[in-house]
N, C-alpha and C. Protein backbone atom coordinates (compact mmCIF):
# COMPACT_ATOMS: atom_id res chain seq x y z
N MET A 1 18.60 -1.12 -15.45
CA MET A 1 18.03 -0.80 -14.14
C MET A 1 19.05 -0.06 -13.27
N LYS A 2 20.30 -0.59 -13.28
CA LYS A 2 21.34 0.04 -12.48
C LYS A 2 21.67 1.43 -12.99
N PHE A 3 21.76 1.58 -14.33
CA PHE A 3 22.05 2.88 -14.92
C PHE A 3 20.95 3.87 -14.59
N ARG A 4 19.70 3.43 -14.68
CA ARG A 4 18.57 4.32 -14.38
C ARG A 4 18.64 4.81 -12.93
N ARG A 5 18.98 3.88 -12.02
CA ARG A 5 19.08 4.26 -10.60
C ARG A 5 20.16 5.31 -10.39
N TRP A 6 21.35 5.09 -11.00
CA TRP A 6 22.45 6.05 -10.85
C TRP A 6 22.11 7.38 -11.49
N PHE A 7 21.41 7.33 -12.64
CA PHE A 7 21.00 8.57 -13.30
C PHE A 7 20.06 9.38 -12.42
N LEU A 8 19.07 8.68 -11.82
CA LEU A 8 18.12 9.37 -10.93
C LEU A 8 18.81 9.94 -9.70
N LEU A 9 19.73 9.15 -9.13
CA LEU A 9 20.47 9.64 -7.96
C LEU A 9 21.30 10.87 -8.31
N GLY A 10 21.94 10.83 -9.49
CA GLY A 10 22.74 11.97 -9.94
C GLY A 10 21.88 13.20 -10.15
N ALA A 11 20.70 13.01 -10.76
CA ALA A 11 19.79 14.14 -11.00
C ALA A 11 19.30 14.75 -9.69
N VAL A 12 18.95 13.87 -8.73
CA VAL A 12 18.50 14.35 -7.41
C VAL A 12 19.62 15.11 -6.72
N PHE A 13 20.86 14.59 -6.81
CA PHE A 13 21.99 15.27 -6.18
C PHE A 13 22.19 16.67 -6.75
N LEU A 14 22.17 16.76 -8.09
CA LEU A 14 22.37 18.07 -8.72
C LEU A 14 21.26 19.04 -8.35
N LEU A 15 20.01 18.55 -8.35
CA LEU A 15 18.89 19.42 -7.97
C LEU A 15 19.04 19.88 -6.53
N SER A 16 19.38 18.94 -5.63
CA SER A 16 19.57 19.28 -4.22
C SER A 16 20.71 20.27 -4.03
N LEU A 17 21.79 20.06 -4.82
CA LEU A 17 22.94 20.95 -4.74
C LEU A 17 22.56 22.37 -5.11
N LEU A 18 21.83 22.51 -6.22
CA LEU A 18 21.43 23.85 -6.65
C LEU A 18 20.48 24.50 -5.65
N ILE A 19 19.56 23.69 -5.08
CA ILE A 19 18.63 24.24 -4.08
C ILE A 19 19.39 24.68 -2.84
N SER A 20 20.33 23.82 -2.37
CA SER A 20 21.05 24.15 -1.14
C SER A 20 21.91 25.40 -1.32
N VAL A 21 22.56 25.52 -2.48
CA VAL A 21 23.39 26.70 -2.72
C VAL A 21 22.52 27.94 -2.85
N GLY A 22 21.37 27.79 -3.51
CA GLY A 22 20.47 28.93 -3.68
C GLY A 22 19.86 29.40 -2.38
N CYS A 23 19.67 28.44 -1.43
CA CYS A 23 19.04 28.79 -0.16
C CYS A 23 20.03 29.25 0.89
N ALA A 24 21.30 28.99 0.68
CA ALA A 24 22.32 29.33 1.69
C ALA A 24 22.41 30.83 1.89
N GLN A 25 22.51 31.23 3.15
CA GLN A 25 22.68 32.65 3.47
C GLN A 25 24.16 32.98 3.36
N ASN A 26 24.47 34.12 2.77
CA ASN A 26 25.87 34.52 2.64
C ASN A 26 26.37 35.11 3.95
N ALA A 27 27.52 34.62 4.39
CA ALA A 27 28.15 35.13 5.60
C ALA A 27 29.60 35.38 5.27
N PRO A 28 30.31 36.19 6.08
CA PRO A 28 31.71 36.45 5.78
C PRO A 28 32.52 35.16 5.76
N THR A 29 33.39 35.01 4.78
CA THR A 29 34.25 33.84 4.72
C THR A 29 35.69 34.30 4.57
N GLY A 30 36.60 33.36 4.65
CA GLY A 30 38.01 33.69 4.54
C GLY A 30 38.35 34.20 3.16
N GLY A 31 39.43 34.95 3.05
CA GLY A 31 39.81 35.55 1.79
C GLY A 31 40.43 34.60 0.80
N ASN A 32 40.58 33.31 1.14
CA ASN A 32 41.24 32.39 0.22
C ASN A 32 40.26 31.61 -0.62
N ALA A 33 38.98 31.99 -0.62
CA ALA A 33 37.98 31.27 -1.41
C ALA A 33 38.19 31.54 -2.88
N ALA A 34 38.29 30.48 -3.67
CA ALA A 34 38.52 30.63 -5.10
C ALA A 34 37.19 30.74 -5.83
N SER A 35 37.17 31.49 -6.92
CA SER A 35 35.96 31.69 -7.69
C SER A 35 35.67 30.50 -8.57
N ASN A 36 34.45 29.93 -8.46
CA ASN A 36 34.03 28.83 -9.30
C ASN A 36 32.83 29.20 -10.15
N GLY A 37 32.39 30.45 -10.08
CA GLY A 37 31.22 30.87 -10.83
C GLY A 37 30.91 32.31 -10.54
N GLY A 38 29.71 32.75 -10.85
CA GLY A 38 29.33 34.14 -10.63
C GLY A 38 28.79 34.38 -9.24
N GLY A 39 28.60 35.66 -8.90
CA GLY A 39 28.02 36.04 -7.61
C GLY A 39 28.99 35.95 -6.47
N GLU A 40 28.44 36.16 -5.26
CA GLU A 40 29.28 36.11 -4.06
C GLU A 40 29.72 34.68 -3.77
N SER A 41 30.90 34.55 -3.20
CA SER A 41 31.45 33.23 -2.91
C SER A 41 30.73 32.58 -1.73
N ILE A 42 30.46 31.30 -1.85
CA ILE A 42 29.88 30.50 -0.77
C ILE A 42 30.91 29.43 -0.43
N GLU A 43 31.28 29.32 0.84
CA GLU A 43 32.28 28.33 1.26
C GLU A 43 31.60 27.24 2.08
N ILE A 44 31.78 25.99 1.65
CA ILE A 44 31.14 24.84 2.30
C ILE A 44 32.22 23.87 2.76
N GLY A 45 32.14 23.45 4.02
CA GLY A 45 33.11 22.51 4.57
C GLY A 45 32.65 21.07 4.42
N PHE A 46 33.61 20.15 4.30
CA PHE A 46 33.30 18.72 4.29
C PHE A 46 34.52 17.95 4.78
N SER A 47 34.30 16.71 5.15
CA SER A 47 35.38 15.90 5.72
C SER A 47 35.18 14.44 5.33
N ALA A 48 35.88 13.54 6.03
CA ALA A 48 35.95 12.14 5.60
C ALA A 48 34.68 11.35 5.93
N TRP A 49 33.68 11.49 5.08
CA TRP A 49 32.48 10.66 5.17
C TRP A 49 32.05 10.36 3.75
N PRO A 50 31.86 9.09 3.37
CA PRO A 50 31.56 8.75 1.98
C PRO A 50 30.38 9.53 1.39
N GLY A 51 29.37 9.81 2.21
CA GLY A 51 28.20 10.54 1.71
C GLY A 51 28.50 11.97 1.31
N TRP A 52 29.68 12.47 1.69
CA TRP A 52 30.03 13.85 1.38
C TRP A 52 31.05 13.94 0.25
N PHE A 53 31.56 12.81 -0.22
CA PHE A 53 32.54 12.83 -1.30
C PHE A 53 32.00 13.36 -2.63
N PRO A 54 30.66 13.31 -2.88
CA PRO A 54 30.17 13.93 -4.11
C PRO A 54 30.53 15.41 -4.24
N TRP A 55 30.77 16.09 -3.12
CA TRP A 55 31.22 17.49 -3.20
C TRP A 55 32.54 17.57 -3.95
N GLN A 56 33.44 16.62 -3.67
CA GLN A 56 34.74 16.62 -4.34
C GLN A 56 34.57 16.33 -5.83
N VAL A 57 33.66 15.40 -6.13
CA VAL A 57 33.38 15.08 -7.54
C VAL A 57 32.83 16.31 -8.25
N ALA A 58 31.89 17.01 -7.58
CA ALA A 58 31.31 18.22 -8.18
C ALA A 58 32.37 19.27 -8.45
N THR A 59 33.33 19.39 -7.53
CA THR A 59 34.42 20.36 -7.71
C THR A 59 35.31 19.96 -8.88
N GLU A 60 35.73 18.69 -8.90
CA GLU A 60 36.64 18.23 -9.95
C GLU A 60 36.00 18.26 -11.34
N GLU A 61 34.67 18.06 -11.39
CA GLU A 61 33.97 18.07 -12.68
C GLU A 61 33.53 19.48 -13.09
N GLY A 62 33.81 20.47 -12.23
CA GLY A 62 33.46 21.86 -12.56
C GLY A 62 31.97 22.14 -12.59
N LEU A 63 31.18 21.39 -11.80
CA LEU A 63 29.73 21.55 -11.82
C LEU A 63 29.28 22.90 -11.28
N PHE A 64 30.04 23.46 -10.34
CA PHE A 64 29.65 24.76 -9.80
C PHE A 64 29.75 25.84 -10.87
N ALA A 65 30.89 25.89 -11.54
CA ALA A 65 31.09 26.89 -12.59
C ALA A 65 30.09 26.71 -13.73
N LYS A 66 29.82 25.45 -14.09
CA LYS A 66 28.87 25.18 -15.18
C LYS A 66 27.47 25.69 -14.86
N ASN A 67 27.14 25.74 -13.57
CA ASN A 67 25.83 26.23 -13.15
C ASN A 67 25.89 27.65 -12.61
N ASN A 68 27.03 28.32 -12.87
CA ASN A 68 27.21 29.73 -12.53
C ASN A 68 26.99 30.01 -11.04
N VAL A 69 27.51 29.13 -10.19
CA VAL A 69 27.49 29.37 -8.74
C VAL A 69 28.92 29.41 -8.25
N ASN A 70 29.21 30.36 -7.40
CA ASN A 70 30.57 30.59 -6.92
C ASN A 70 30.75 29.86 -5.59
N VAL A 71 31.23 28.62 -5.66
CA VAL A 71 31.35 27.78 -4.46
C VAL A 71 32.80 27.37 -4.27
N GLN A 72 33.26 27.46 -3.04
CA GLN A 72 34.58 26.95 -2.66
C GLN A 72 34.37 25.86 -1.62
N MET A 73 34.77 24.64 -1.94
CA MET A 73 34.69 23.55 -0.98
C MET A 73 35.96 23.54 -0.14
N LYS A 74 35.79 23.41 1.18
CA LYS A 74 36.94 23.41 2.09
C LYS A 74 37.02 22.07 2.82
N TRP A 75 38.11 21.35 2.59
CA TRP A 75 38.33 20.04 3.21
C TRP A 75 38.86 20.21 4.62
N PHE A 76 38.33 19.42 5.56
CA PHE A 76 38.81 19.40 6.95
C PHE A 76 39.27 17.98 7.27
N ASP A 77 40.50 17.86 7.73
CA ASP A 77 40.99 16.55 8.18
C ASP A 77 40.22 16.10 9.41
N GLY A 78 39.88 17.05 10.29
CA GLY A 78 39.12 16.76 11.49
C GLY A 78 37.67 17.20 11.35
N TYR A 79 36.75 16.24 11.45
CA TYR A 79 35.32 16.54 11.31
C TYR A 79 34.86 17.60 12.32
N LEU A 80 35.32 17.46 13.57
CA LEU A 80 34.92 18.42 14.61
C LEU A 80 35.39 19.83 14.28
N ASP A 81 36.53 19.95 13.61
CA ASP A 81 37.03 21.27 13.20
C ASP A 81 36.07 21.94 12.23
N SER A 82 35.44 21.15 11.36
CA SER A 82 34.49 21.72 10.40
C SER A 82 33.23 22.22 11.12
N ILE A 83 32.79 21.49 12.13
CA ILE A 83 31.62 21.91 12.91
C ILE A 83 31.93 23.22 13.64
N ASN A 84 33.12 23.28 14.25
CA ASN A 84 33.52 24.49 14.97
C ASN A 84 33.65 25.68 14.04
N ALA A 85 34.16 25.44 12.83
CA ALA A 85 34.31 26.52 11.85
C ALA A 85 32.95 27.07 11.45
N LEU A 86 31.96 26.20 11.27
CA LEU A 86 30.62 26.66 10.92
C LEU A 86 30.00 27.44 12.07
N THR A 87 30.13 26.91 13.27
CA THR A 87 29.57 27.59 14.45
C THR A 87 30.20 28.96 14.65
N ALA A 88 31.49 29.09 14.31
CA ALA A 88 32.20 30.37 14.44
C ALA A 88 31.96 31.27 13.22
N ARG A 89 31.08 30.84 12.30
CA ARG A 89 30.73 31.60 11.10
C ARG A 89 31.92 31.83 10.18
N GLN A 90 32.84 30.86 10.18
CA GLN A 90 33.97 30.90 9.25
C GLN A 90 33.63 30.18 7.95
N LEU A 91 32.47 29.53 7.92
CA LEU A 91 31.96 28.85 6.73
C LEU A 91 30.52 29.29 6.50
N ASP A 92 30.05 29.15 5.25
CA ASP A 92 28.64 29.42 4.96
C ASP A 92 27.80 28.16 5.14
N GLY A 93 28.42 27.00 5.02
CA GLY A 93 27.73 25.74 5.19
C GLY A 93 28.71 24.65 5.51
N ASN A 94 28.20 23.52 6.02
CA ASN A 94 29.07 22.41 6.37
C ASN A 94 28.31 21.11 6.22
N SER A 95 29.00 20.06 5.81
CA SER A 95 28.42 18.72 5.76
C SER A 95 28.64 18.07 7.12
N GLN A 96 27.54 17.79 7.82
CA GLN A 96 27.65 17.21 9.16
C GLN A 96 26.37 16.44 9.47
N THR A 97 26.44 15.59 10.50
CA THR A 97 25.28 14.79 10.85
C THR A 97 24.21 15.66 11.50
N LEU A 98 22.97 15.20 11.38
CA LEU A 98 21.87 15.92 12.02
C LEU A 98 22.08 15.95 13.53
N ASN A 99 22.58 14.83 14.08
CA ASN A 99 22.83 14.76 15.52
C ASN A 99 23.75 15.89 15.98
N ASP A 100 24.85 16.09 15.25
CA ASP A 100 25.81 17.13 15.62
C ASP A 100 25.26 18.52 15.35
N THR A 101 24.40 18.66 14.35
CA THR A 101 23.76 19.95 14.08
C THR A 101 22.84 20.31 15.23
N LEU A 102 22.05 19.34 15.69
CA LEU A 102 21.14 19.59 16.82
C LEU A 102 21.92 19.97 18.07
N SER A 103 23.06 19.33 18.26
CA SER A 103 23.90 19.65 19.42
C SER A 103 24.39 21.09 19.35
N SER A 104 24.81 21.54 18.16
CA SER A 104 25.28 22.92 17.99
C SER A 104 24.14 23.91 18.20
N VAL A 105 22.96 23.59 17.67
CA VAL A 105 21.80 24.47 17.81
C VAL A 105 21.40 24.59 19.27
N SER A 106 21.41 23.46 19.99
CA SER A 106 21.04 23.49 21.41
C SER A 106 22.02 24.31 22.23
N ALA A 107 23.25 24.47 21.72
CA ALA A 107 24.26 25.28 22.41
C ALA A 107 24.19 26.74 21.98
N GLY A 108 23.23 27.08 21.11
CA GLY A 108 23.03 28.48 20.73
C GLY A 108 23.41 28.85 19.32
N ALA A 109 23.92 27.90 18.52
CA ALA A 109 24.30 28.21 17.14
C ALA A 109 23.05 28.45 16.29
N ASP A 110 23.11 29.42 15.39
CA ASP A 110 21.99 29.75 14.50
C ASP A 110 22.21 29.03 13.17
N LEU A 111 21.68 27.81 13.05
CA LEU A 111 21.90 26.98 11.87
C LEU A 111 20.57 26.55 11.26
N VAL A 112 20.57 26.33 9.95
CA VAL A 112 19.39 25.84 9.24
C VAL A 112 19.83 24.69 8.34
N VAL A 113 19.10 23.58 8.36
CA VAL A 113 19.38 22.46 7.47
C VAL A 113 18.77 22.77 6.11
N VAL A 114 19.58 22.78 5.05
CA VAL A 114 19.08 23.08 3.71
C VAL A 114 19.19 21.89 2.77
N LEU A 115 19.90 20.84 3.17
CA LEU A 115 20.06 19.68 2.30
C LEU A 115 20.34 18.44 3.14
N THR A 116 19.58 17.37 2.89
CA THR A 116 19.87 16.06 3.48
C THR A 116 20.34 15.18 2.34
N ASN A 117 21.58 14.74 2.38
CA ASN A 117 22.12 13.97 1.25
C ASN A 117 22.48 12.54 1.59
N ASP A 118 22.18 12.11 2.83
CA ASP A 118 22.53 10.74 3.19
C ASP A 118 21.72 10.33 4.41
N ASN A 119 21.05 9.21 4.35
CA ASN A 119 20.35 8.64 5.50
C ASN A 119 20.88 7.24 5.73
N SER A 120 21.18 6.92 6.98
CA SER A 120 21.70 5.59 7.27
C SER A 120 21.29 5.16 8.67
N THR A 121 21.14 3.86 8.86
CA THR A 121 20.75 3.31 10.15
C THR A 121 21.63 2.11 10.46
N GLY A 122 22.27 2.14 11.59
CA GLY A 122 23.04 0.99 12.04
C GLY A 122 24.34 0.78 11.29
N ASN A 123 24.86 1.81 10.65
CA ASN A 123 26.09 1.62 9.88
C ASN A 123 27.35 1.82 10.72
N ASP A 124 27.22 2.36 11.91
CA ASP A 124 28.39 2.63 12.74
C ASP A 124 28.87 1.35 13.42
N LYS A 125 30.18 1.19 13.42
CA LYS A 125 30.75 -0.01 14.03
C LYS A 125 32.02 0.36 14.81
N ILE A 126 32.38 -0.54 15.71
CA ILE A 126 33.69 -0.45 16.36
C ILE A 126 34.56 -1.46 15.63
N ILE A 127 35.63 -1.00 15.01
CA ILE A 127 36.56 -1.90 14.32
C ILE A 127 37.62 -2.32 15.33
N VAL A 128 37.80 -3.62 15.47
CA VAL A 128 38.66 -4.13 16.55
C VAL A 128 39.73 -5.07 16.01
N ALA A 129 40.72 -5.33 16.86
CA ALA A 129 41.81 -6.25 16.53
C ALA A 129 41.41 -7.68 16.88
N GLU A 130 42.19 -8.62 16.37
CA GLU A 130 41.94 -10.04 16.62
C GLU A 130 41.91 -10.31 18.13
N GLY A 131 40.98 -11.16 18.54
CA GLY A 131 40.87 -11.53 19.94
C GLY A 131 39.81 -10.75 20.69
N ILE A 132 39.29 -9.69 20.08
CA ILE A 132 38.22 -8.91 20.71
C ILE A 132 36.91 -9.33 20.03
N ASN A 133 36.00 -9.92 20.82
CA ASN A 133 34.78 -10.47 20.26
C ASN A 133 33.51 -9.83 20.82
N THR A 134 33.62 -9.12 21.92
CA THR A 134 32.45 -8.48 22.53
C THR A 134 32.84 -7.08 23.01
N ILE A 135 31.84 -6.29 23.34
CA ILE A 135 32.10 -4.97 23.92
C ILE A 135 32.89 -5.11 25.22
N GLU A 136 32.55 -6.13 26.00
CA GLU A 136 33.22 -6.34 27.28
C GLU A 136 34.73 -6.58 27.10
N ASP A 137 35.12 -7.14 25.94
CA ASP A 137 36.53 -7.39 25.67
C ASP A 137 37.33 -6.10 25.47
N LEU A 138 36.64 -4.97 25.35
CA LEU A 138 37.32 -3.68 25.19
C LEU A 138 37.86 -3.14 26.51
N ARG A 139 37.46 -3.77 27.61
CA ARG A 139 37.89 -3.27 28.92
C ARG A 139 39.42 -3.18 28.99
N GLY A 140 39.92 -1.97 29.32
CA GLY A 140 41.35 -1.74 29.45
C GLY A 140 42.08 -1.55 28.13
N LYS A 141 41.37 -1.69 26.99
CA LYS A 141 42.00 -1.56 25.68
C LYS A 141 41.94 -0.12 25.17
N LYS A 142 42.87 0.23 24.27
CA LYS A 142 42.86 1.56 23.64
C LYS A 142 41.76 1.60 22.59
N VAL A 143 40.86 2.58 22.72
CA VAL A 143 39.77 2.75 21.75
C VAL A 143 39.75 4.22 21.33
N ALA A 144 39.84 4.46 20.02
CA ALA A 144 39.88 5.84 19.52
C ALA A 144 38.56 6.24 18.88
N ALA A 145 38.19 7.50 19.07
CA ALA A 145 37.04 8.11 18.40
C ALA A 145 37.24 9.62 18.45
N GLU A 146 36.56 10.30 17.55
CA GLU A 146 36.66 11.76 17.56
C GLU A 146 35.74 12.30 18.66
N GLU A 147 36.35 12.82 19.70
CA GLU A 147 35.62 13.22 20.89
C GLU A 147 34.56 14.28 20.58
N GLY A 148 33.37 14.08 21.15
CA GLY A 148 32.30 15.07 21.01
C GLY A 148 31.46 14.91 19.75
N THR A 149 31.71 13.86 18.97
CA THR A 149 30.94 13.65 17.74
C THR A 149 29.96 12.50 17.95
N VAL A 150 29.13 12.26 16.92
CA VAL A 150 28.14 11.20 17.02
C VAL A 150 28.80 9.83 17.19
N ASP A 151 29.98 9.61 16.60
CA ASP A 151 30.67 8.34 16.77
C ASP A 151 31.06 8.09 18.23
N HIS A 152 31.53 9.14 18.88
CA HIS A 152 31.87 9.05 20.30
C HIS A 152 30.62 8.74 21.12
N PHE A 153 29.52 9.41 20.78
CA PHE A 153 28.24 9.20 21.47
C PHE A 153 27.80 7.75 21.34
N LEU A 154 27.89 7.19 20.13
CA LEU A 154 27.47 5.81 19.93
C LEU A 154 28.39 4.82 20.63
N LEU A 155 29.68 5.15 20.71
CA LEU A 155 30.61 4.32 21.48
C LEU A 155 30.18 4.28 22.94
N LEU A 156 29.83 5.43 23.49
CA LEU A 156 29.39 5.50 24.88
C LEU A 156 28.10 4.70 25.09
N LEU A 157 27.19 4.74 24.10
CA LEU A 157 25.96 3.96 24.20
C LEU A 157 26.27 2.46 24.21
N GLY A 158 27.20 2.05 23.34
CA GLY A 158 27.59 0.64 23.30
C GLY A 158 28.18 0.18 24.62
N LEU A 159 29.03 1.03 25.20
CA LEU A 159 29.62 0.70 26.50
C LEU A 159 28.55 0.61 27.58
N GLU A 160 27.63 1.56 27.55
CA GLU A 160 26.55 1.58 28.56
C GLU A 160 25.70 0.32 28.46
N LYS A 161 25.41 -0.11 27.24
CA LYS A 161 24.61 -1.31 27.03
C LYS A 161 25.30 -2.54 27.62
N ALA A 162 26.64 -2.51 27.63
CA ALA A 162 27.42 -3.62 28.19
C ALA A 162 27.71 -3.41 29.67
N GLY A 163 27.12 -2.38 30.29
CA GLY A 163 27.33 -2.11 31.71
C GLY A 163 28.67 -1.47 32.00
N MET A 164 29.22 -0.77 31.01
CA MET A 164 30.53 -0.15 31.15
C MET A 164 30.43 1.36 30.90
N THR A 165 31.50 2.06 31.20
CA THR A 165 31.60 3.49 30.92
C THR A 165 32.93 3.75 30.21
N GLN A 166 33.15 4.98 29.82
CA GLN A 166 34.41 5.34 29.16
C GLN A 166 35.61 5.08 30.07
N ALA A 167 35.38 5.16 31.38
CA ALA A 167 36.46 4.93 32.34
C ALA A 167 36.97 3.49 32.29
N ASP A 168 36.18 2.58 31.71
CA ASP A 168 36.58 1.17 31.64
C ASP A 168 37.49 0.87 30.46
N ILE A 169 37.66 1.84 29.55
CA ILE A 169 38.56 1.65 28.41
C ILE A 169 39.64 2.72 28.45
N ASP A 170 40.65 2.55 27.63
CA ASP A 170 41.68 3.58 27.49
C ASP A 170 41.28 4.43 26.28
N PHE A 171 40.42 5.42 26.53
CA PHE A 171 39.88 6.22 25.43
C PHE A 171 40.94 7.15 24.85
N GLN A 172 41.05 7.13 23.52
CA GLN A 172 42.02 7.96 22.81
C GLN A 172 41.26 8.95 21.91
N PRO A 173 41.18 10.24 22.30
CA PRO A 173 40.50 11.21 21.43
C PRO A 173 41.32 11.46 20.17
N LEU A 174 40.80 11.05 19.03
CA LEU A 174 41.56 11.12 17.78
C LEU A 174 40.59 11.44 16.65
N GLU A 175 40.97 12.38 15.78
CA GLU A 175 40.07 12.71 14.67
C GLU A 175 39.91 11.50 13.77
N THR A 176 38.80 11.44 13.05
CA THR A 176 38.40 10.24 12.32
C THR A 176 39.46 9.73 11.36
N GLY A 177 40.04 10.62 10.55
CA GLY A 177 41.06 10.19 9.59
C GLY A 177 42.28 9.60 10.26
N ALA A 178 42.73 10.22 11.35
CA ALA A 178 43.90 9.73 12.07
C ALA A 178 43.61 8.39 12.74
N ALA A 179 42.39 8.23 13.23
CA ALA A 179 42.02 6.96 13.87
C ALA A 179 42.03 5.84 12.85
N ALA A 180 41.50 6.11 11.65
CA ALA A 180 41.49 5.09 10.59
C ALA A 180 42.91 4.73 10.18
N ALA A 181 43.78 5.73 10.09
CA ALA A 181 45.17 5.48 9.71
C ALA A 181 45.88 4.64 10.77
N ALA A 182 45.61 4.94 12.04
CA ALA A 182 46.24 4.19 13.12
C ALA A 182 45.77 2.74 13.11
N LEU A 183 44.48 2.55 12.86
CA LEU A 183 43.93 1.19 12.86
C LEU A 183 44.41 0.39 11.67
N SER A 184 44.70 1.06 10.57
CA SER A 184 45.13 0.34 9.36
C SER A 184 46.46 -0.37 9.58
N ARG A 185 47.18 0.02 10.62
CA ARG A 185 48.45 -0.64 10.93
C ARG A 185 48.24 -1.95 11.70
N VAL A 186 46.99 -2.18 12.15
CA VAL A 186 46.69 -3.44 12.84
C VAL A 186 46.55 -4.52 11.77
N ARG A 187 47.23 -5.66 11.95
CA ARG A 187 47.32 -6.67 10.90
C ARG A 187 45.99 -7.35 10.60
N TRP A 188 45.21 -7.64 11.61
CA TRP A 188 43.95 -8.34 11.39
C TRP A 188 42.86 -7.59 12.13
N MET A 189 41.76 -7.33 11.43
CA MET A 189 40.69 -6.55 12.06
C MET A 189 39.34 -7.23 11.83
N ARG A 190 38.41 -6.94 12.66
CA ARG A 190 37.02 -7.35 12.48
C ARG A 190 36.14 -6.23 13.01
N SER A 191 34.84 -6.29 12.77
CA SER A 191 33.95 -5.24 13.25
C SER A 191 32.94 -5.78 14.24
N ALA A 192 32.63 -4.96 15.22
CA ALA A 192 31.60 -5.28 16.20
C ALA A 192 30.54 -4.20 16.11
N CYS A 193 29.29 -4.61 16.08
CA CYS A 193 28.22 -3.63 15.86
C CYS A 193 28.04 -2.73 17.07
N LEU A 194 27.85 -1.46 16.77
CA LEU A 194 27.42 -0.50 17.78
C LEU A 194 25.91 -0.55 17.87
N PRO A 195 25.29 0.04 18.90
CA PRO A 195 23.82 0.09 18.95
C PRO A 195 23.29 0.85 17.75
N ARG A 196 22.22 0.36 17.17
CA ARG A 196 21.64 1.00 15.99
C ARG A 196 21.04 2.35 16.38
N SER A 197 21.31 3.32 15.57
CA SER A 197 20.78 4.67 15.79
C SER A 197 20.67 5.36 14.45
N PRO A 198 19.49 5.95 14.13
CA PRO A 198 19.38 6.65 12.85
C PRO A 198 20.41 7.77 12.76
N ARG A 199 21.05 7.89 11.61
CA ARG A 199 22.07 8.92 11.42
C ARG A 199 21.77 9.62 10.11
N ARG A 200 21.47 10.91 10.17
CA ARG A 200 21.12 11.65 8.98
C ARG A 200 22.19 12.68 8.70
N HIS A 201 22.53 12.84 7.41
CA HIS A 201 23.59 13.75 6.99
C HIS A 201 23.01 14.80 6.08
């Protein structure tokens, strides 16, 4: 049963990958894109989100070349940097949340969703140090999030639900990977739920 599920998920991923690459519009990209197959190069950005790691697997397993598609995956340490690169037409595609895509489109970006590869609800959390048990306990504490992203938005919603604003905490704008690294130095951690909000990737 488990093998069948993984096989079906893998087949759906490969089919979605081929459809998304076939539907992508070619736009100018940087000259450092490496050839992974035939045709014009397509450059796709991705960053630290588990739902996007299959791109790395596809690259390492040579799936693009095997299917004769010329794809260069570009890793971004900062998720917001990947969004800005797509909006500036420095990428042909990017892995990002629907929320952030809608935000870019509302600001005038010409974007089209060609692949949804992850759906999740209520998975966002605030990871906290020992002694913090409620949202109210964050008052005056350092809290990091990547400013302007869906995580930042959900943090603000959580604060609002507790009758607080960003001014009530010591907000630290930090890209997601750096925030995780900084928190990993905290000896004991626990998680507090953020308000549930559908998040599509």
